[in-house]
């Protein structure tokens, strides 16, 4: 059961602290009369006060606009109510910043989403101006259903240390761990509309914006274990992940647990560990001709694997599983099933194969991914996930399932016979095998390599 806060008397004088029975201390950030204590950054959207409500309205040809607190906050509980036109997208910035030496003052930082679209990710966590989505609500249908169209929605946000937890209308939504920012301002976004004249004057409104900065542990709400705890801290595990059997497959610092494919040790060249990131370096674009592929020392049977990867322009690589060494006679890449990693726009392999079965997310040369896959641009992190259980395999890309198949079936074997693997006996059907990161002569980076063995 969610722990509820006590009912508060709605005193809305700026800076006045409200205390009931000496137990709760709220400060109202919006006084209901004017915009004292706030400043506007970036865009030219119109912010005004109407009947005690703070109203933001869209304007033409403006970037995203932000009305930001002049004060900075570290640990806090924040509550507010928001009403948005279904045609608009918005959010509330927390622990955010604007520096002239970062994209000419662009507001960046954590954003608590206000999303009236069919996607329904309100109260999810987005990193505005930097990394993109940190906590989408893909796996939280209860929170997706909690948002009310054309009505006021109440948000409850708890930010303590590395933890960011959110609720919408009392329903638990996001449970994020991240260490990018420890403090910053709070900002109210009016999203840009470009040159769409039909969207001029669309409104998003806020009221009852209040913050608590003391005795936070006394008033923290219960976050159910069913709400997945996601960590954006590179190469780390949350307590929930540890409890659920997850382990780091790469420690973020050393080569422990890995070696070269068909080799005794880790490649002496062609791979780099820097800034908590593992990268295969540029070569001549050939398979395993620079540092060579690397594989896990351990073999795996049934498992769930996740990792983040970042492509460079025109890059080609792959994540292979059920890898069996020696099948390629020591030339080219080691043999196994492959989750393709590719810059589809700039690498020619995307147009080869059949029906897109060599594009990013595919089961390489066998099964194409779904056409509506979500891919972040070159230079940004993407997340791959592979689930293998009882010969049933799933590929996931950025939270969306893109490939699903069963090893050893008649359909699977027919696909193999039409692929470049036709001459390998029982290709991809080994009961266990190594996991592999491919050297294909292009720079690709990896981090957050985690695995959970399925018993």
Protein backbone atom coordinates (compact mmCIF):
# COMPACT_ATOMS: atom_id res chain seq x y z
CA UNK A 1 0.00 0.00 0.00
CA UNK A 2 1.28 3.48 -0.86
CA UNK A 3 2.05 5.65 2.13
CA UNK A 4 0.02 8.85 1.76
CA UNK A 5 1.04 12.32 2.89
CA UNK A 6 -1.09 14.19 5.42
CA UNK A 7 -3.66 16.63 4.00
CA UNK A 8 -2.16 20.12 3.80
CA UNK A 9 -3.75 23.53 4.15
CA UNK A 10 -3.16 25.17 0.74
CA UNK A 11 -1.19 28.25 1.79
CA UNK A 12 0.44 29.54 -1.36
CA UNK A 13 2.51 32.53 -0.33
CA UNK A 14 5.96 32.27 -1.91
CA UNK A 15 8.60 31.13 0.53
CA UNK A 16 6.20 30.45 3.41
CA UNK A 17 6.81 27.07 4.99
CA UNK A 18 3.72 25.09 5.93
CA UNK A 19 3.94 22.90 9.01
CA UNK A 20 1.18 20.75 10.40
CA UNK A 21 1.69 19.26 13.87
CA UNK A 22 5.42 19.85 13.38
CA UNK A 23 5.55 16.90 10.99
CA UNK A 24 5.57 18.29 7.44
CA UNK A 25 7.42 21.23 5.95
CA UNK A 26 6.41 22.32 2.47
CA UNK A 27 7.53 25.43 0.61
CA UNK A 28 5.35 26.64 -2.26
CA UNK A 29 7.45 27.55 -5.29
CA UNK A 30 4.59 29.35 -7.06
CA UNK A 31 2.71 32.00 -5.08
CA UNK A 32 -0.39 32.00 -7.29
CA UNK A 33 0.00 35.73 -8.07
CA UNK A 34 3.13 36.33 -10.15
CA UNK A 35 6.34 34.70 -11.35
CA UNK A 36 8.54 35.85 -8.50
CA UNK A 37 11.33 33.34 -7.92
CA UNK A 38 11.31 32.14 -11.54
CA UNK A 39 13.22 33.05 -14.73
CA UNK A 40 12.68 32.06 -18.34
CA UNK A 41 15.40 30.32 -20.36
CA UNK A 42 15.92 29.29 -24.01
CA UNK A 43 12.56 29.71 -25.80
CA UNK A 44 10.00 32.49 -26.15
CA UNK A 45 6.85 30.67 -25.01
CA UNK A 46 4.45 32.80 -23.01
CA UNK A 47 4.22 32.21 -19.25
CA UNK A 48 1.56 34.00 -17.20
CA UNK A 49 -0.60 33.68 -14.11
CA UNK A 50 -4.36 33.25 -14.53
CA UNK A 51 -6.71 32.74 -11.59
CA UNK A 52 -3.98 31.30 -9.39
CA UNK A 53 -2.69 28.96 -12.10
CA UNK A 54 0.65 29.16 -13.93
CA UNK A 55 -0.06 28.93 -17.67
CA UNK A 56 2.44 28.27 -20.46
CA UNK A 57 1.43 28.87 -24.11
CA UNK A 58 3.17 27.83 -27.31
CA UNK A 59 4.52 30.28 -29.90
CA UNK A 60 5.84 29.86 -33.44
CA UNK A 61 9.46 29.13 -34.33
CA UNK A 62 10.73 28.83 -30.78
CA UNK A 63 12.91 26.13 -29.23
CA UNK A 64 11.74 24.45 -26.06
CA UNK A 65 11.05 27.06 -23.38
CA UNK A 66 11.68 26.65 -19.66
CA UNK A 67 10.47 28.68 -16.69
CA UNK A 68 13.07 27.88 -14.04
CA UNK A 69 13.47 28.48 -10.33
CA UNK A 70 16.19 30.93 -9.41
CA UNK A 71 17.06 28.62 -6.53
CA UNK A 72 18.88 25.31 -6.81
CA UNK A 73 17.83 22.12 -4.99
CA UNK A 74 19.64 18.94 -4.02
CA UNK A 75 17.51 16.35 -2.19
CA UNK A 76 13.77 16.98 -2.06
CA UNK A 77 10.21 15.80 -2.42
CA UNK A 78 8.37 17.76 -5.11
CA UNK A 79 4.65 17.79 -5.81
CA UNK A 80 2.63 19.62 -8.45
CA UNK A 81 -0.48 19.30 -10.56
CA UNK A 82 -0.43 19.67 -14.33
CA UNK A 83 -3.08 20.04 -17.02
CA UNK A 84 -2.03 19.75 -20.66
CA UNK A 85 -3.67 20.01 -24.06
CA UNK A 86 -3.54 16.53 -25.69
CA UNK A 87 -1.75 18.04 -28.71
CA UNK A 88 1.27 19.07 -26.65
CA UNK A 89 4.15 17.39 -24.84
CA UNK A 90 5.76 18.86 -21.75
CA UNK A 91 7.68 18.06 -18.59
CA UNK A 92 9.16 19.38 -15.37
CA UNK A 93 12.93 19.70 -15.08
CA UNK A 94 14.65 18.70 -11.83
CA UNK A 95 18.33 19.06 -10.88
CA UNK A 96 18.79 20.83 -14.20
CA UNK A 97 21.28 23.37 -15.53
CA UNK A 98 21.98 26.02 -18.16
CA UNK A 99 25.63 26.85 -18.91
CA UNK A 100 26.91 29.04 -21.70
CA UNK A 101 29.70 26.57 -22.44
CA UNK A 102 27.17 23.74 -22.92
CA UNK A 103 25.27 24.10 -26.19
CA UNK A 104 25.08 27.88 -25.73
CA UNK A 105 23.03 27.73 -22.55
CA UNK A 106 20.65 24.93 -23.49
CA UNK A 107 18.67 23.67 -20.52
CA UNK A 108 19.66 20.11 -19.74
CA UNK A 109 18.99 17.60 -17.00
CA UNK A 110 16.36 15.26 -15.64
CA UNK A 111 12.84 15.82 -16.89
CA UNK A 112 9.70 14.28 -15.41
CA UNK A 113 7.57 13.69 -18.50
CA UNK A 114 4.06 15.02 -19.13
CA UNK A 115 2.88 12.87 -22.02
CA UNK A 116 -0.76 12.88 -23.19
CA UNK A 117 0.05 10.84 -26.32
CA UNK A 118 -0.93 7.21 -26.82
CA UNK A 119 2.55 6.28 -25.60
CA UNK A 120 1.48 7.47 -22.11
CA UNK A 121 4.89 7.86 -20.46
CA UNK A 122 3.84 10.59 -18.02
CA UNK A 123 6.07 10.53 -14.90
CA UNK A 124 8.77 8.70 -16.83
CA UNK A 125 12.28 10.21 -16.62
CA UNK A 126 13.92 11.81 -19.65
CA UNK A 127 17.37 13.43 -19.79
CA UNK A 128 16.66 16.69 -21.64
CA UNK A 129 19.46 17.90 -23.89
CA UNK A 130 21.78 14.95 -23.17
CA UNK A 131 21.10 11.20 -23.00
CA UNK A 132 17.41 10.91 -23.85
CA UNK A 133 15.17 8.39 -22.09
CA UNK A 134 16.44 7.04 -18.78
CA UNK A 135 13.20 5.53 -17.51
CA UNK A 136 10.42 5.03 -20.07
CA UNK A 137 7.24 3.39 -18.82
CA UNK A 138 7.30 0.49 -21.28
CA UNK A 139 7.10 -2.08 -18.48
CA UNK A 140 4.67 -0.19 -16.23
CA UNK A 141 1.17 -0.38 -17.74
CA UNK A 142 -0.46 0.66 -14.44
CA UNK A 143 1.35 4.01 -14.53
CA UNK A 144 0.55 4.43 -18.23
CA UNK A 145 -3.15 4.05 -17.45
CA UNK A 146 -2.99 6.46 -14.50
CA UNK A 147 -2.73 9.61 -16.64
CA UNK A 148 -6.06 11.43 -17.12
CA UNK A 149 -6.71 13.24 -20.40
CA UNK A 150 -8.02 16.83 -20.25
CA UNK A 151 -7.82 16.78 -16.45
CA UNK A 152 -5.45 17.76 -13.68
CA UNK A 153 -2.84 15.09 -12.92
CA UNK A 154 -0.91 15.08 -9.66
CA UNK A 155 2.80 14.23 -9.63
CA UNK A 156 4.83 13.19 -6.60
CA UNK A 157 8.64 13.16 -7.10
CA UNK A 158 11.24 11.96 -4.59
CA UNK A 159 14.88 12.83 -5.31
CA UNK A 160 17.39 11.64 -2.69
CA UNK A 161 21.04 10.94 -3.43
CA UNK A 162 21.21 8.87 -6.61
CA UNK A 163 17.55 7.88 -6.43
CA UNK A 164 14.73 9.43 -8.47
CA UNK A 165 11.27 7.98 -7.84
CA UNK A 166 7.98 9.21 -9.30
CA UNK A 167 4.25 8.71 -8.90
CA UNK A 168 1.34 9.93 -11.01
CA UNK A 169 -2.06 10.26 -9.37
CA UNK A 170 -0.77 8.04 -6.57
CA UNK A 171 0.40 5.24 -8.91
CA UNK A 172 4.13 4.33 -8.76
CA UNK A 173 5.78 5.14 -12.09
CA UNK A 174 9.61 5.40 -12.24
CA UNK A 175 12.35 4.02 -10.01
CA UNK A 176 15.67 5.32 -11.34
CA UNK A 177 19.22 5.31 -10.00
CA UNK A 178 21.59 7.80 -11.64
CA UNK A 179 24.63 9.88 -10.62
CA UNK A 180 24.86 12.50 -13.38
CA UNK A 181 23.58 15.47 -11.33
CA UNK A 182 23.38 16.03 -7.57
CA UNK A 183 21.61 19.42 -7.62
CA UNK A 184 20.08 21.99 -9.94
CA UNK A 185 17.03 24.11 -10.67
CA UNK A 186 13.42 23.09 -11.29
CA UNK A 187 11.91 24.11 -14.64
CA UNK A 188 8.53 24.05 -16.35
CA UNK A 189 8.70 23.19 -20.05
CA UNK A 190 6.62 24.46 -22.93
CA UNK A 191 7.62 22.32 -25.88
CA UNK A 192 8.48 23.96 -29.18
CA UNK A 193 5.99 23.55 -32.05
CA UNK A 194 8.23 24.61 -34.94
CA UNK A 195 6.23 26.38 -37.64
CA UNK A 196 2.91 24.57 -37.08
CA UNK A 197 0.45 27.49 -36.97
CA UNK A 198 -2.34 25.14 -35.88
CA UNK A 199 -0.60 24.64 -32.54
CA UNK A 200 -0.05 28.30 -31.63
CA UNK A 201 -1.45 29.11 -28.19
CA UNK A 202 -1.73 25.51 -26.96
CA UNK A 203 -1.46 25.50 -23.20
CA UNK A 204 0.09 23.52 -20.37
CA UNK A 205 -0.82 24.58 -16.82
CA UNK A 206 0.58 23.98 -13.35
CA UNK A 207 -0.63 24.58 -9.81
CA UNK A 208 0.12 23.54 -6.23
CA UNK A 209 3.86 23.45 -6.94
CA UNK A 210 5.51 22.71 -3.60
CA UNK A 211 8.79 21.28 -2.33
CA UNK A 212 10.07 19.67 0.86
CA UNK A 213 13.78 19.57 1.64
CA UNK A 214 13.94 18.35 5.27
CA UNK A 215 13.12 15.08 7.03
CA UNK A 216 12.50 13.42 3.69
CA UNK A 217 12.77 9.86 4.98
CA UNK A 218 9.74 10.45 7.22
CA UNK A 219 7.50 11.28 4.29
CA UNK A 220 8.85 9.00 1.55
CA UNK A 221 6.22 6.87 -0.12
CA UNK A 222 6.59 3.13 -0.53
CA UNK A 223 7.90 2.05 -3.93
CA UNK A 224 6.64 -1.50 -4.62
CA UNK A 225 9.22 -4.10 -5.62
CA UNK A 226 7.15 -4.76 -8.75
CA UNK A 227 8.29 -1.39 -10.15
CA UNK A 228 11.61 -2.18 -11.79
CA UNK A 229 14.62 -0.31 -10.43
CA UNK A 230 16.76 0.86 -13.35
CA UNK A 231 20.31 2.13 -12.94
CA UNK A 232 21.87 4.59 -15.39
CA UNK A 233 25.14 4.56 -13.47
CA UNK A 234 27.57 2.86 -15.84
CA UNK A 235 28.61 -0.67 -14.95
CA UNK A 236 26.72 -0.94 -11.70
CA UNK A 237 23.94 -3.09 -10.28
CA UNK A 238 20.99 -1.97 -8.20
CA UNK A 239 20.05 -3.88 -5.07
CA UNK A 240 16.97 -5.12 -6.91
CA UNK A 241 19.10 -6.41 -9.79
CA UNK A 242 21.39 -8.26 -7.39
CA UNK A 243 18.40 -9.83 -5.66
CA UNK A 244 17.05 -10.93 -9.05
CA UNK A 245 20.29 -12.67 -9.97
CA UNK A 246 21.93 -10.13 -12.25
CA UNK A 247 25.73 -9.94 -12.48
CA UNK A 248 28.10 -7.56 -14.24
CA UNK A 249 29.68 -9.28 -17.21
CA UNK A 250 32.23 -6.47 -17.44
CA UNK A 251 33.46 -4.57 -14.37
CA UNK A 252 34.07 -1.27 -16.19
CA UNK A 253 37.80 -1.26 -15.44
CA UNK A 254 39.62 -4.43 -16.44
CA UNK A 255 39.52 -7.29 -18.97
CA UNK A 256 38.56 -9.81 -16.30
CA UNK A 257 36.19 -12.48 -17.60
CA UNK A 258 37.04 -11.89 -21.26
CA UNK A 259 39.63 -13.13 -23.77
CA UNK A 260 40.19 -13.10 -27.49
CA UNK A 261 38.17 -15.56 -29.56
CA UNK A 262 40.34 -18.62 -30.33
CA UNK A 263 43.05 -17.02 -28.18
CA UNK A 264 44.44 -17.52 -24.68
CA UNK A 265 44.48 -13.93 -23.44
CA UNK A 266 42.83 -10.58 -24.15
CA UNK A 267 43.90 -8.91 -27.43
CA UNK A 268 46.99 -6.75 -26.90
CA UNK A 269 45.66 -4.15 -29.35
CA UNK A 270 42.44 -3.04 -31.01
CA UNK A 271 40.41 -2.64 -27.81
CA UNK A 272 40.36 0.24 -25.32
CA UNK A 273 39.03 0.75 -21.79
CA UNK A 274 38.45 4.44 -21.07
CA UNK A 275 35.95 6.44 -19.01
CA UNK A 276 34.06 3.32 -17.87
CA UNK A 277 33.59 2.32 -21.52
CA UNK A 278 34.89 -0.67 -23.50
CA UNK A 279 35.53 0.14 -27.17
CA UNK A 280 36.63 -1.82 -30.19
CA UNK A 281 38.78 0.57 -32.18
CA UNK A 282 38.84 1.56 -35.83
CA UNK A 283 40.67 -0.79 -38.16
CA UNK A 284 40.30 -1.33 -41.87
CA UNK A 285 36.67 -2.39 -41.74
CA UNK A 286 37.46 -6.09 -41.95
CA UNK A 287 36.28 -8.92 -39.70
CA UNK A 288 38.59 -9.59 -36.74
CA UNK A 289 41.62 -8.10 -38.52
CA UNK A 290 42.60 -5.57 -35.87
CA UNK A 291 42.24 -6.66 -32.24
CA UNK A 292 39.86 -9.48 -33.08
CA UNK A 293 36.62 -10.54 -31.42
CA UNK A 294 36.45 -10.94 -27.66
CA UNK A 295 34.42 -13.63 -25.89
CA UNK A 296 33.40 -14.45 -22.34
CA UNK A 297 35.60 -17.01 -20.69
CA UNK A 298 32.48 -18.64 -19.33
CA UNK A 299 29.88 -20.38 -21.48
CA UNK A 300 26.15 -19.75 -21.04
CA UNK A 301 23.05 -21.85 -21.65
CA UNK A 302 19.79 -20.01 -20.79
CA UNK A 303 20.29 -16.34 -20.00
CA UNK A 304 19.14 -12.74 -20.22
CA UNK A 305 21.80 -10.30 -21.42
CA UNK A 306 21.62 -6.51 -21.59
CA UNK A 307 24.20 -3.97 -22.67
CA UNK A 308 24.49 -0.42 -23.94
CA UNK A 309 26.28 0.24 -27.23
CA UNK A 310 27.23 3.35 -29.17
CA UNK A 311 27.91 3.32 -32.89
CA UNK A 312 30.13 5.65 -34.86
CA UNK A 313 29.20 6.73 -38.39
CA UNK A 314 29.14 3.77 -40.77
CA UNK A 315 29.98 1.28 -38.02
CA UNK A 316 29.40 -2.46 -38.11
CA UNK A 317 29.65 -4.87 -35.17
CA UNK A 318 27.58 -7.49 -33.42
CA UNK A 319 26.73 -9.31 -30.23
CA UNK A 320 27.02 -13.06 -30.76
CA UNK A 321 25.74 -15.83 -28.52
CA UNK A 322 26.03 -19.61 -28.40
CA UNK A 323 29.44 -19.06 -29.96
CA UNK A 324 31.51 -22.17 -30.71
CA UNK A 325 35.22 -21.56 -31.28
CA UNK A 326 37.17 -23.14 -34.12
CA UNK A 327 34.35 -23.38 -36.64
CA UNK A 328 35.83 -20.70 -38.86
CA UNK A 329 39.29 -22.28 -38.93
CA UNK A 330 40.73 -19.22 -37.23
CA UNK A 331 39.85 -16.70 -39.97
CA UNK A 332 37.25 -13.97 -39.76
CA UNK A 333 34.76 -13.62 -36.95
CA UNK A 334 33.92 -16.50 -34.61
CA UNK A 335 30.70 -18.34 -35.42
CA UNK A 336 27.47 -17.88 -33.50
CA UNK A 337 24.01 -16.34 -33.60
CA UNK A 338 24.31 -12.57 -33.96
CA UNK A 339 22.37 -9.55 -32.77
CA UNK A 340 23.44 -7.17 -35.51
CA UNK A 341 24.83 -3.74 -34.57
CA UNK A 342 24.93 -1.47 -37.62
CA UNK A 343 24.61 2.12 -38.73
CA UNK A 344 21.79 1.31 -41.16
CA UNK A 345 21.95 4.70 -42.87
CA UNK A 346 25.63 4.65 -43.71
CA UNK A 347 26.81 1.03 -43.92
CA UNK A 348 26.16 -0.91 -47.16
CA UNK A 349 25.41 -4.15 -45.32
CA UNK A 350 21.99 -2.74 -44.38
CA UNK A 351 20.92 -3.13 -48.03
CA UNK A 352 22.32 -6.64 -48.43
CA UNK A 353 20.82 -9.89 -47.24
CA UNK A 354 17.05 -10.41 -47.53
CA UNK A 355 14.33 -8.05 -46.35
CA UNK A 356 16.52 -6.17 -43.90
CA UNK A 357 17.96 -9.22 -42.12
CA UNK A 358 21.32 -7.50 -41.80
CA UNK A 359 20.07 -4.27 -40.23
CA UNK A 360 20.45 -3.26 -36.61
CA UNK A 361 18.60 -5.56 -34.22
CA UNK A 362 18.25 -8.39 -36.72
CA UNK A 363 19.24 -12.01 -36.22
CA UNK A 364 22.04 -11.46 -38.68
CA UNK A 365 21.39 -12.90 -42.16
CA UNK A 366 18.37 -14.86 -40.87
CA UNK A 367 15.52 -12.75 -39.49
CA UNK A 368 14.90 -8.99 -39.98
CA UNK A 369 13.76 -6.84 -37.06
CA UNK A 370 10.33 -5.24 -36.87
CA UNK A 371 10.01 -2.20 -39.10
CA UNK A 372 9.05 0.19 -36.29
CA UNK A 373 12.18 -0.41 -34.21
CA UNK A 374 13.50 2.53 -32.20
CA UNK A 375 17.13 3.46 -32.85
CA UNK A 376 18.98 6.36 -31.27
CA UNK A 377 21.29 8.30 -33.62
CA UNK A 378 24.98 7.63 -34.14
CA UNK A 379 26.91 8.98 -31.16
CA UNK A 380 24.13 8.17 -28.67
CA UNK A 381 23.73 5.10 -26.50
CA UNK A 382 21.31 2.32 -27.44
CA UNK A 383 20.36 -0.68 -25.31
CA UNK A 384 20.35 -4.25 -26.58
CA UNK A 385 18.72 -7.13 -24.73
CA UNK A 386 18.83 -10.83 -25.59
CA UNK A 387 16.65 -13.38 -23.81
CA UNK A 388 17.39 -17.07 -24.41
CA UNK A 389 15.33 -19.74 -22.64
CA UNK A 390 14.58 -23.30 -23.72
CA UNK A 391 15.66 -22.48 -27.29
CA UNK A 392 13.24 -19.54 -27.47
CA UNK A 393 15.16 -16.35 -28.32
CA UNK A 394 14.16 -12.69 -28.20
CA UNK A 395 16.04 -9.60 -29.40
CA UNK A 396 15.08 -6.29 -27.78
CA UNK A 397 16.28 -2.85 -28.88
CA UNK A 398 15.71 0.21 -26.69
CA UNK A 399 12.91 -1.50 -24.80
CA UNK A 400 11.07 -2.87 -27.84
CA UNK A 401 11.05 -6.52 -28.93
CA UNK A 402 12.34 -6.60 -32.50
CA UNK A 403 13.01 -10.32 -33.20
CA UNK A 404 11.57 -13.55 -31.79
CA UNK A 405 12.28 -17.13 -32.87
CA UNK A 406 12.88 -20.71 -31.73
CA UNK A 407 16.14 -22.54 -32.35
CA UNK A 408 16.06 -26.00 -33.84
CA UNK A 409 12.63 -25.75 -35.46
CA UNK A 410 11.90 -26.60 -39.08
CA UNK A 411 11.42 -22.91 -39.87
CA UNK A 412 14.69 -21.95 -38.19
CA UNK A 413 16.66 -24.62 -40.06
CA UNK A 414 15.11 -23.55 -43.36
CA UNK A 415 16.30 -20.01 -42.74
CA UNK A 416 19.80 -21.27 -41.98
CA UNK A 417 19.91 -23.18 -45.26
CA UNK A 418 19.25 -19.95 -47.15
CA UNK A 419 21.90 -18.00 -45.21
CA UNK A 420 25.69 -17.68 -45.20
CA UNK A 421 25.71 -20.30 -42.42
CA UNK A 422 24.26 -23.14 -44.50
CA UNK A 423 27.51 -25.13 -44.46
CA UNK A 424 27.83 -25.16 -40.67
CA UNK A 425 26.30 -28.32 -39.22
CA UNK A 426 23.63 -27.55 -36.61
CA UNK A 427 24.47 -23.85 -36.79
CA UNK A 428 23.35 -21.95 -33.70
CA UNK A 429 22.01 -25.02 -31.91
CA UNK A 430 24.80 -25.64 -29.39
CA UNK A 431 23.34 -26.22 -25.90
CA UNK A 432 25.74 -23.61 -24.50
CA UNK A 433 28.34 -21.22 -25.79
CA UNK A 434 30.37 -18.07 -25.31
CA UNK A 435 29.07 -14.53 -25.66
CA UNK A 436 31.00 -12.35 -28.10
CA UNK A 437 31.59 -8.71 -28.96
CA UNK A 438 32.68 -8.35 -32.56
CA UNK A 439 35.62 -6.52 -34.09
CA UNK A 440 34.50 -5.54 -37.58
CA UNK A 441 37.05 -2.81 -38.09
CA UNK A 442 34.86 0.10 -36.89
CA UNK A 443 34.78 1.85 -33.55
CA UNK A 444 31.87 0.73 -31.37
CA UNK A 445 31.61 1.27 -27.62
CA UNK A 446 30.00 -0.86 -24.91
CA UNK A 447 29.07 -0.48 -21.27
CA UNK A 448 26.59 -1.81 -18.69
CA UNK A 449 27.13 -5.40 -19.81
CA UNK A 450 24.93 -7.44 -17.47
CA UNK A 451 23.72 -11.03 -17.43
CA UNK A 452 21.21 -13.12 -15.52
CA UNK A 453 21.42 -16.87 -15.90
CA UNK A 454 18.02 -18.51 -16.18
CA UNK A 455 17.85 -21.78 -14.26
